[in-house]
Amino acid sequence: MDLMHIKAEFEAGRLSEAVTEPSEQSEGWRLLLHTVNGETLVLTDHSGRERVYHSLDHATEVGLDIGFDSVRVEEHF
């Protein structure tokens, strides 16, 4: 889901959490959004591809810009 639609979902109260984690598709970080219904949405670009940020700080900043008070960082070892 692209940023414009994610922001609309947040404003409608349908998102509960933002999580950033390493991207599985490329080098960098992706932003996942959890809905109040338990679904997980992936932030995508305008063409529907996973949006990958080259720094953890940038991915976290986008989550905060959406409106979340905090963004959880999850790393898989």
PDB file of N, CA and C in Angstrom:
ATOM      1  N   MET A   1       0.852  -1.168   0.000  1.00  0.00           N
ATOM      2  CA  MET A   1       0.000   0.000   0.000  1.00  0.00           C
ATOM      3  C   MET A   1       0.897   1.231   0.000  1.00  0.00           C
ATOM      4  N   ASP A   2       0.584   2.193  -0.841  1.00  0.00           N
ATOM      5  CA  ASP A   2       1.443   3.364  -0.944  1.00  0.00           C
ATOM      6  C   ASP A   2       1.219   4.333   0.219  1.00  0.00           C
ATOM      7  N   LEU A   3       2.126   5.292   0.339  1.00  0.00           N
ATOM      8  CA  LEU A   3       2.147   6.199   1.483  1.00  0.00           C
ATOM      9  C   LEU A   3       0.839   6.980   1.633  1.00  0.00           C
ATOM     10  N   MET A   4       0.274   7.449   0.551  1.00  0.00           N
ATOM     11  CA  MET A   4      -0.969   8.212   0.621  1.00  0.00           C
ATOM     12  C   MET A   4      -2.087   7.372   1.240  1.00  0.00           C
ATOM     13  N   HIS A   5      -2.200   6.110   0.827  1.00  0.00           N
ATOM     14  CA  HIS A   5      -3.241   5.240   1.360  1.00  0.00           C
ATOM     15  C   HIS A   5      -2.948   4.816   2.802  1.00  0.00           C
ATOM     16  N   ILE A   6      -1.673   4.623   3.120  1.00  0.00           N
ATOM     17  CA  ILE A   6      -1.299   4.296   4.503  1.00  0.00           C
ATOM     18  C   ILE A   6      -1.687   5.444   5.427  1.00  0.00           C
ATOM     19  N   LYS A   7      -1.409   6.675   5.025  1.00  0.00           N
ATOM     20  CA  LYS A   7      -1.770   7.837   5.851  1.00  0.00           C
ATOM     21  C   LYS A   7      -3.276   7.912   6.050  1.00  0.00           C
ATOM     22  N   ALA A   8      -4.043   7.604   5.011  1.00  0.00           N
ATOM     23  CA  ALA A   8      -5.505   7.614   5.127  1.00  0.00           C
ATOM     24  C   ALA A   8      -5.972   6.531   6.098  1.00  0.00           C
ATOM     25  N   GLU A   9      -5.347   5.365   6.042  1.00  0.00           N
ATOM     26  CA  GLU A   9      -5.690   4.279   6.973  1.00  0.00           C
ATOM     27  C   GLU A   9      -5.369   4.686   8.405  1.00  0.00           C
ATOM     28  N   PHE A  10      -4.235   5.361   8.612  1.00  0.00           N
ATOM     29  CA  PHE A  10      -3.866   5.823   9.944  1.00  0.00           C
ATOM     30  C   PHE A  10      -4.883   6.836  10.461  1.00  0.00           C
ATOM     31  N   GLU A  11      -5.216   7.806   9.622  1.00  0.00           N
ATOM     32  CA  GLU A  11      -6.165   8.847  10.024  1.00  0.00           C
ATOM     33  C   GLU A  11      -7.542   8.275  10.325  1.00  0.00           C
ATOM     34  N   ALA A  12      -7.901   7.179   9.667  1.00  0.00           N
ATOM     35  CA  ALA A  12      -9.193   6.525   9.911  1.00  0.00           C
ATOM     36  C   ALA A  12      -9.156   5.645  11.158  1.00  0.00           C
ATOM     37  N   GLY A  13      -7.961   5.524  11.777  1.00  0.00           N
ATOM     38  CA  GLY A  13      -7.849   4.732  13.000  1.00  0.00           C
ATOM     39  C   GLY A  13      -7.748   3.237  12.763  1.00  0.00           C
ATOM     40  N   ARG A  14      -7.373   2.833  11.556  1.00  0.00           N
ATOM     41  CA  ARG A  14      -7.320   1.407  11.238  1.00  0.00           C
ATOM     42  C   ARG A  14      -5.938   0.781  11.402  1.00  0.00           C
ATOM     43  N   LEU A  15      -4.932   1.591  11.783  1.00  0.00           N
ATOM     44  CA  LEU A  15      -3.584   1.057  11.978  1.00  0.00           C
ATOM     45  C   LEU A  15      -3.213   1.096  13.454  1.00  0.00           C
ATOM     46  N   SER A  16      -2.545   0.046  13.910  1.00  0.00           N
ATOM     47  CA  SER A  16      -2.198  -0.037  15.324  1.00  0.00           C
ATOM     48  C   SER A  16      -0.711   0.099  15.604  1.00  0.00           C
ATOM     49  N   GLU A  17       0.144  -0.214  14.626  1.00  0.00           N
ATOM     50  CA  GLU A  17       1.579  -0.222  14.895  1.00  0.00           C
ATOM     51  C   GLU A  17       2.374  -0.114  13.603  1.00  0.00           C
ATOM     52  N   ALA A  18       3.547   0.497  13.707  1.00  0.00           N
ATOM     53  CA  ALA A  18       4.507   0.544  12.603  1.00  0.00           C
ATOM     54  C   ALA A  18       5.758  -0.214  13.031  1.00  0.00           C
ATOM     55  N   VAL A  19       6.259  -1.027  12.125  1.00  0.00           N
ATOM     56  CA  VAL A  19       7.449  -1.838  12.402  1.00  0.00           C
ATOM     57  C   VAL A  19       8.386  -1.707  11.220  1.00  0.00           C
ATOM     58  N   THR A  20       9.653  -1.504  11.489  1.00  0.00           N
ATOM     59  CA  THR A  20      10.638  -1.536  10.415  1.00  0.00           C
ATOM     60  C   THR A  20      11.527  -2.753  10.622  1.00  0.00           C
ATOM     61  N   GLU A  21      11.850  -3.394   9.525  1.00  0.00           N
ATOM     62  CA  GLU A  21      12.685  -4.592   9.569  1.00  0.00           C
ATOM     63  C   GLU A  21      13.498  -4.667   8.294  1.00  0.00           C
ATOM     64  N   PRO A  22      14.568  -5.466   8.300  1.00  0.00           N
ATOM     65  CA  PRO A  22      15.349  -5.608   7.071  1.00  0.00           C
ATOM     66  C   PRO A  22      14.481  -6.144   5.936  1.00  0.00           C
ATOM     67  N   SER A  23      14.683  -5.592   4.760  1.00  0.00           N
ATOM     68  CA  SER A  23      13.943  -6.037   3.590  1.00  0.00           C
ATOM     69  C   SER A  23      14.401  -7.429   3.188  1.00  0.00           C
ATOM     70  N   GLU A  24      13.461  -8.253   2.779  1.00  0.00           N
ATOM     71  CA  GLU A  24      13.792  -9.592   2.300  1.00  0.00           C
ATOM     72  C   GLU A  24      14.185  -9.564   0.830  1.00  0.00           C
ATOM     73  N   GLN A  25      13.812  -8.509   0.121  1.00  0.00           N
ATOM     74  CA  GLN A  25      14.027  -8.436  -1.318  1.00  0.00           C
ATOM     75  C   GLN A  25      15.309  -7.716  -1.721  1.00  0.00           C
ATOM     76  N   SER A  26      15.774  -6.806  -0.897  1.00  0.00           N
ATOM     77  CA  SER A  26      16.982  -6.061  -1.256  1.00  0.00           C
ATOM     78  C   SER A  26      17.632  -5.522   0.005  1.00  0.00           C
ATOM     79  N   GLU A  27      18.765  -4.883  -0.194  1.00  0.00           N
ATOM     80  CA  GLU A  27      19.534  -4.312   0.906  1.00  0.00           C
ATOM     81  C   GLU A  27      18.816  -3.071   1.429  1.00  0.00           C
ATOM     82  N   GLY A  28      18.450  -3.059   2.693  1.00  0.00           N
ATOM     83  CA  GLY A  28      17.801  -1.904   3.276  1.00  0.00           C
ATOM     84  C   GLY A  28      16.695  -2.311   4.231  1.00  0.00           C
ATOM     85  N   TRP A  29      15.836  -1.367   4.545  1.00  0.00           N
ATOM     86  CA  TRP A  29      14.778  -1.528   5.539  1.00  0.00           C
ATOM     87  C   TRP A  29      13.415  -1.290   4.912  1.00  0.00           C
ATOM     88  N   ARG A  30      12.437  -2.077   5.330  1.00  0.00           N
ATOM     89  CA  ARG A  30      11.067  -1.875   4.873  1.00  0.00           C
ATOM     90  C   ARG A  30      10.200  -1.493   6.061  1.00  0.00           C
ATOM     91  N   LEU A  31       9.056  -0.915   5.776  1.00  0.00           N
ATOM     92  CA  LEU A  31       8.130  -0.481   6.810  1.00  0.00           C
ATOM     93  C   LEU A  31       6.860  -1.316   6.708  1.00  0.00           C
ATOM     94  N   LEU A  32       6.524  -1.969   7.807  1.00  0.00           N
ATOM     95  CA  LEU A  32       5.307  -2.763   7.894  1.00  0.00           C
ATOM     96  C   LEU A  32       4.328  -2.044   8.806  1.00  0.00           C
ATOM     97  N   LEU A  33       3.061  -2.114   8.472  1.00  0.00           N
ATOM     98  CA  LEU A  33       2.024  -1.488   9.275  1.00  0.00           C
ATOM     99  C   LEU A  33       1.038  -2.567   9.686  1.00  0.00           C
ATOM    100  N   HIS A  34       0.731  -2.626  10.977  1.00  0.00           N
ATOM    101  CA  HIS A  34      -0.232  -3.599  11.477  1.00  0.00           C
ATOM    102  C   HIS A  34      -1.584  -2.913  11.639  1.00  0.00           C
ATOM    103  N   THR A  35      -2.627  -3.589  11.203  1.00  0.00           N
ATOM    104  CA  THR A  35      -3.975  -3.039  11.334  1.00  0.00           C
ATOM    105  C   THR A  35      -4.586  -3.502  12.648  1.00  0.00           C
ATOM    106  N   VAL A  36      -5.652  -2.844  13.048  1.00  0.00           N
ATOM    107  CA  VAL A  36      -6.346  -3.248  14.273  1.00  0.00           C
ATOM    108  C   VAL A  36      -6.997  -4.617  14.111  1.00  0.00           C
ATOM    109  N   ASN A  37      -7.170  -5.080  12.873  1.00  0.00           N
ATOM    110  CA  ASN A  37      -7.749  -6.397  12.598  1.00  0.00           C
ATOM    111  C   ASN A  37      -6.702  -7.503  12.516  1.00  0.00           C
ATOM    112  N   GLY A  38      -5.425  -7.149  12.745  1.00  0.00           N
ATOM    113  CA  GLY A  38      -4.370  -8.145  12.733  1.00  0.00           C
ATOM    114  C   GLY A  38      -3.694  -8.372  11.398  1.00  0.00           C
ATOM    115  N   GLU A  39      -4.033  -7.595  10.387  1.00  0.00           N
ATOM    116  CA  GLU A  39      -3.378  -7.715   9.088  1.00  0.00           C
ATOM    117  C   GLU A  39      -2.047  -6.963   9.109  1.00  0.00           C
ATOM    118  N   THR A  40      -1.151  -7.349   8.227  1.00  0.00           N
ATOM    119  CA  THR A  40       0.110  -6.646   8.056  1.00  0.00           C
ATOM    120  C   THR A  40       0.160  -6.086   6.645  1.00  0.00           C
ATOM    121  N   LEU A  41       0.387  -4.774   6.557  1.00  0.00           N
ATOM    122  CA  LEU A  41       0.496  -4.086   5.275  1.00  0.00           C
ATOM    123  C   LEU A  41       1.941  -3.688   5.060  1.00  0.00           C
ATOM    124  N   VAL A  42       2.407  -3.784   3.839  1.00  0.00           N
ATOM    125  CA  VAL A  42       3.765  -3.369   3.487  1.00  0.00           C
ATOM    126  C   VAL A  42       3.678  -2.044   2.747  1.00  0.00           C
ATOM    127  N   LEU A  43       4.499  -1.083   3.164  1.00  0.00           N
ATOM    128  CA  LEU A  43       4.546   0.193   2.461  1.00  0.00           C
ATOM    129  C   LEU A  43       5.188  -0.030   1.101  1.00  0.00           C
ATOM    130  N   THR A  44       4.511   0.423   0.053  1.00  0.00           N
ATOM    131  CA  THR A  44       5.001   0.247  -1.312  1.00  0.00           C
ATOM    132  C   THR A  44       5.202   1.602  -1.983  1.00  0.00           C
ATOM    133  N   ASP A  45       5.877   1.569  -3.121  1.00  0.00           N
ATOM    134  CA  ASP A  45       6.005   2.783  -3.913  1.00  0.00           C
ATOM    135  C   ASP A  45       4.784   2.904  -4.824  1.00  0.00           C
ATOM    136  N   HIS A  46       4.767   3.917  -5.671  1.00  0.00           N
ATOM    137  CA  HIS A  46       3.595   4.172  -6.519  1.00  0.00           C
ATOM    138  C   HIS A  46       3.334   3.050  -7.526  1.00  0.00           C
ATOM    139  N   SER A  47       4.333   2.204  -7.791  1.00  0.00           N
ATOM    140  CA  SER A  47       4.129   1.102  -8.743  1.00  0.00           C
ATOM    141  C   SER A  47       3.815  -0.224  -8.057  1.00  0.00           C
ATOM    142  N   GLY A  48       3.675  -0.190  -6.734  1.00  0.00           N
ATOM    143  CA  GLY A  48       3.292  -1.399  -6.013  1.00  0.00           C
ATOM    144  C   GLY A  48       4.440  -2.257  -5.506  1.00  0.00           C
ATOM    145  N   ARG A  49       5.678  -1.810  -5.729  1.00  0.00           N
ATOM    146  CA  ARG A  49       6.836  -2.550  -5.218  1.00  0.00           C
ATOM    147  C   ARG A  49       7.140  -2.119  -3.788  1.00  0.00           C
ATOM    148  N   GLU A  50       7.656  -3.054  -3.010  1.00  0.00           N
ATOM    149  CA  GLU A  50       8.043  -2.764  -1.636  1.00  0.00           C
ATOM    150  C   GLU A  50       8.972  -1.559  -1.597  1.00  0.00           C
ATOM    151  N   ARG A  51       8.665  -0.604  -0.740  1.00  0.00           N
ATOM    152  CA  ARG A  51       9.498   0.594  -0.582  1.00  0.00           C
ATOM    153  C   ARG A  51      10.634   0.236   0.351  1.00  0.00           C
ATOM    154  N   VAL A  52      11.871   0.374  -0.106  1.00  0.00           N
ATOM    155  CA  VAL A  52      13.041   0.026   0.691  1.00  0.00           C
ATOM    156  C   VAL A  52      13.823   1.298   1.003  1.00  0.00           C
ATOM    157  N   TYR A  53      14.141   1.479   2.278  1.00  0.00           N
ATOM    158  CA  TYR A  53      14.917   2.626   2.732  1.00  0.00           C
ATOM    159  C   TYR A  53      16.337   2.160   3.013  1.00  0.00           C
ATOM    160  N   HIS A  54      17.311   2.963   2.648  1.00  0.00           N
ATOM    161  CA  HIS A  54      18.705   2.575   2.799  1.00  0.00           C
ATOM    162  C   HIS A  54      19.217   2.755   4.223  1.00  0.00           C
ATOM    163  N   SER A  55      18.461   3.468   5.049  1.00  0.00           N
ATOM    164  CA  SER A  55      18.887   3.612   6.444  1.00  0.00           C
ATOM    165  C   SER A  55      17.708   3.341   7.378  1.00  0.00           C
ATOM    166  N   LEU A  56      18.037   2.825   8.526  1.00  0.00           N
ATOM    167  CA  LEU A  56      17.030   2.581   9.563  1.00  0.00           C
ATOM    168  C   LEU A  56      16.402   3.902  10.009  1.00  0.00           C
ATOM    169  N   ASP A  57      17.222   4.935  10.108  1.00  0.00           N
ATOM    170  CA  ASP A  57      16.705   6.243  10.526  1.00  0.00           C
ATOM    171  C   ASP A  57      15.633   6.763   9.570  1.00  0.00           C
ATOM    172  N   HIS A  58      15.859   6.600   8.271  1.00  0.00           N
ATOM    173  CA  HIS A  58      14.891   7.092   7.291  1.00  0.00           C
ATOM    174  C   HIS A  58      13.587   6.296   7.371  1.00  0.00           C
ATOM    175  N   ALA A  59      13.679   4.979   7.484  1.00  0.00           N
ATOM    176  CA  ALA A  59      12.479   4.148   7.596  1.00  0.00           C
ATOM    177  C   ALA A  59      11.683   4.516   8.842  1.00  0.00           C
ATOM    178  N   THR A  60      12.385   4.738   9.944  1.00  0.00           N
ATOM    179  CA  THR A  60      11.726   5.116  11.197  1.00  0.00           C
ATOM    180  C   THR A  60      11.084   6.487  11.069  1.00  0.00           C
ATOM    181  N   GLU A  61      11.764   7.409  10.435  1.00  0.00           N
ATOM    182  CA  GLU A  61      11.238   8.765  10.227  1.00  0.00           C
ATOM    183  C   GLU A  61       9.928   8.735   9.446  1.00  0.00           C
ATOM    184  N   VAL A  62       9.841   7.897   8.435  1.00  0.00           N
ATOM    185  CA  VAL A  62       8.605   7.790   7.652  1.00  0.00           C
ATOM    186  C   VAL A  62       7.463   7.291   8.533  1.00  0.00           C
ATOM    187  N   GLY A  63       7.734   6.298   9.375  1.00  0.00           N
ATOM    188  CA  GLY A  63       6.703   5.815  10.295  1.00  0.00           C
ATOM    189  C   GLY A  63       6.214   6.901  11.232  1.00  0.00           C
ATOM    190  N   LEU A  64       7.136   7.712  11.723  1.00  0.00           N
ATOM    191  CA  LEU A  64       6.757   8.822  12.603  1.00  0.00           C
ATOM    192  C   LEU A  64       5.991   9.890  11.834  1.00  0.00           C
ATOM    193  N   ASP A  65       6.385  10.139  10.587  1.00  0.00           N
ATOM    194  CA  ASP A  65       5.686  11.125   9.747  1.00  0.00           C
ATOM    195  C   ASP A  65       4.249  10.696   9.446  1.00  0.00           C
ATOM    196  N   ILE A  66       4.021   9.400   9.386  1.00  0.00           N
ATOM    197  CA  ILE A  66       2.653   8.904   9.181  1.00  0.00           C
ATOM    198  C   ILE A  66       1.783   9.311  10.355  1.00  0.00           C
ATOM    199  N   GLY A  67       2.389   9.363  11.543  1.00  0.00           N
ATOM    200  CA  GLY A  67       1.649   9.779  12.728  1.00  0.00           C
ATOM    201  C   GLY A  67       1.848   8.905  13.950  1.00  0.00           C
ATOM    202  N   PHE A  68       2.608   7.834  13.809  1.00  0.00           N
ATOM    203  CA  PHE A  68       2.842   6.957  14.948  1.00  0.00           C
ATOM    204  C   PHE A  68       3.746   7.644  15.967  1.00  0.00           C
ATOM    205  N   ASP A  69       3.512   7.349  17.256  1.00  0.00           N
ATOM    206  CA  ASP A  69       4.350   7.892  18.319  1.00  0.00           C
ATOM    207  C   ASP A  69       5.710   7.210  18.360  1.00  0.00           C
ATOM    208  N   SER A  70       5.747   5.960  17.928  1.00  0.00           N
ATOM    209  CA  SER A  70       6.989   5.192  17.916  1.00  0.00           C
ATOM    210  C   SER A  70       6.933   4.172  16.784  1.00  0.00           C
ATOM    211  N   VAL A  71       8.103   3.691  16.404  1.00  0.00           N
ATOM    212  CA  VAL A  71       8.220   2.673  15.369  1.00  0.00           C
ATOM    213  C   VAL A  71       9.093   1.568  15.953  1.00  0.00           C
ATOM    214  N   ARG A  72       8.566   0.364  15.994  1.00  0.00           N
ATOM    215  CA  ARG A  72       9.317  -0.767  16.531  1.00  0.00           C
ATOM    216  C   ARG A  72      10.306  -1.258  15.474  1.00  0.00           C
ATOM    217  N   VAL A  73      11.521  -1.544  15.915  1.00  0.00           N
ATOM    218  CA  VAL A  73      12.550  -2.090  15.030  1.00  0.00           C
ATOM    219  C   VAL A  73      12.667  -3.569  15.322  1.00  0.00           C
ATOM    220  N   GLU A  74      12.602  -4.367  14.276  1.00  0.00           N
ATOM    221  CA  GLU A  74      12.662  -5.817  14.434  1.00  0.00           C
ATOM    222  C   GLU A  74      13.764  -6.354  13.527  1.00  0.00           C
ATOM    223  N   GLU A  75      14.703  -7.070  14.126  1.00  0.00           N
ATOM    224  CA  GLU A  75      15.764  -7.702  13.351  1.00  0.00           C
ATOM    225  C   GLU A  75      15.683  -9.200  13.555  1.00  0.00           C
ATOM    226  N   HIS A  76      15.837  -9.951  12.494  1.00  0.00           N
ATOM    227  CA  HIS A  76      15.775 -11.397  12.558  1.00  0.00           C
ATOM    228  C   HIS A  76      17.193 -11.944  12.482  1.00  0.00           C
ATOM    229  N   PHE A  77      17.550 -12.743  13.447  1.00  0.00           N
ATOM    230  CA  PHE A  77      18.901 -13.323  13.468  1.00  0.00           C
ATOM    231  C   PHE A  77      18.842 -14.794  13.160  1.00  0.00           C
TER     232      PHE A  77
END
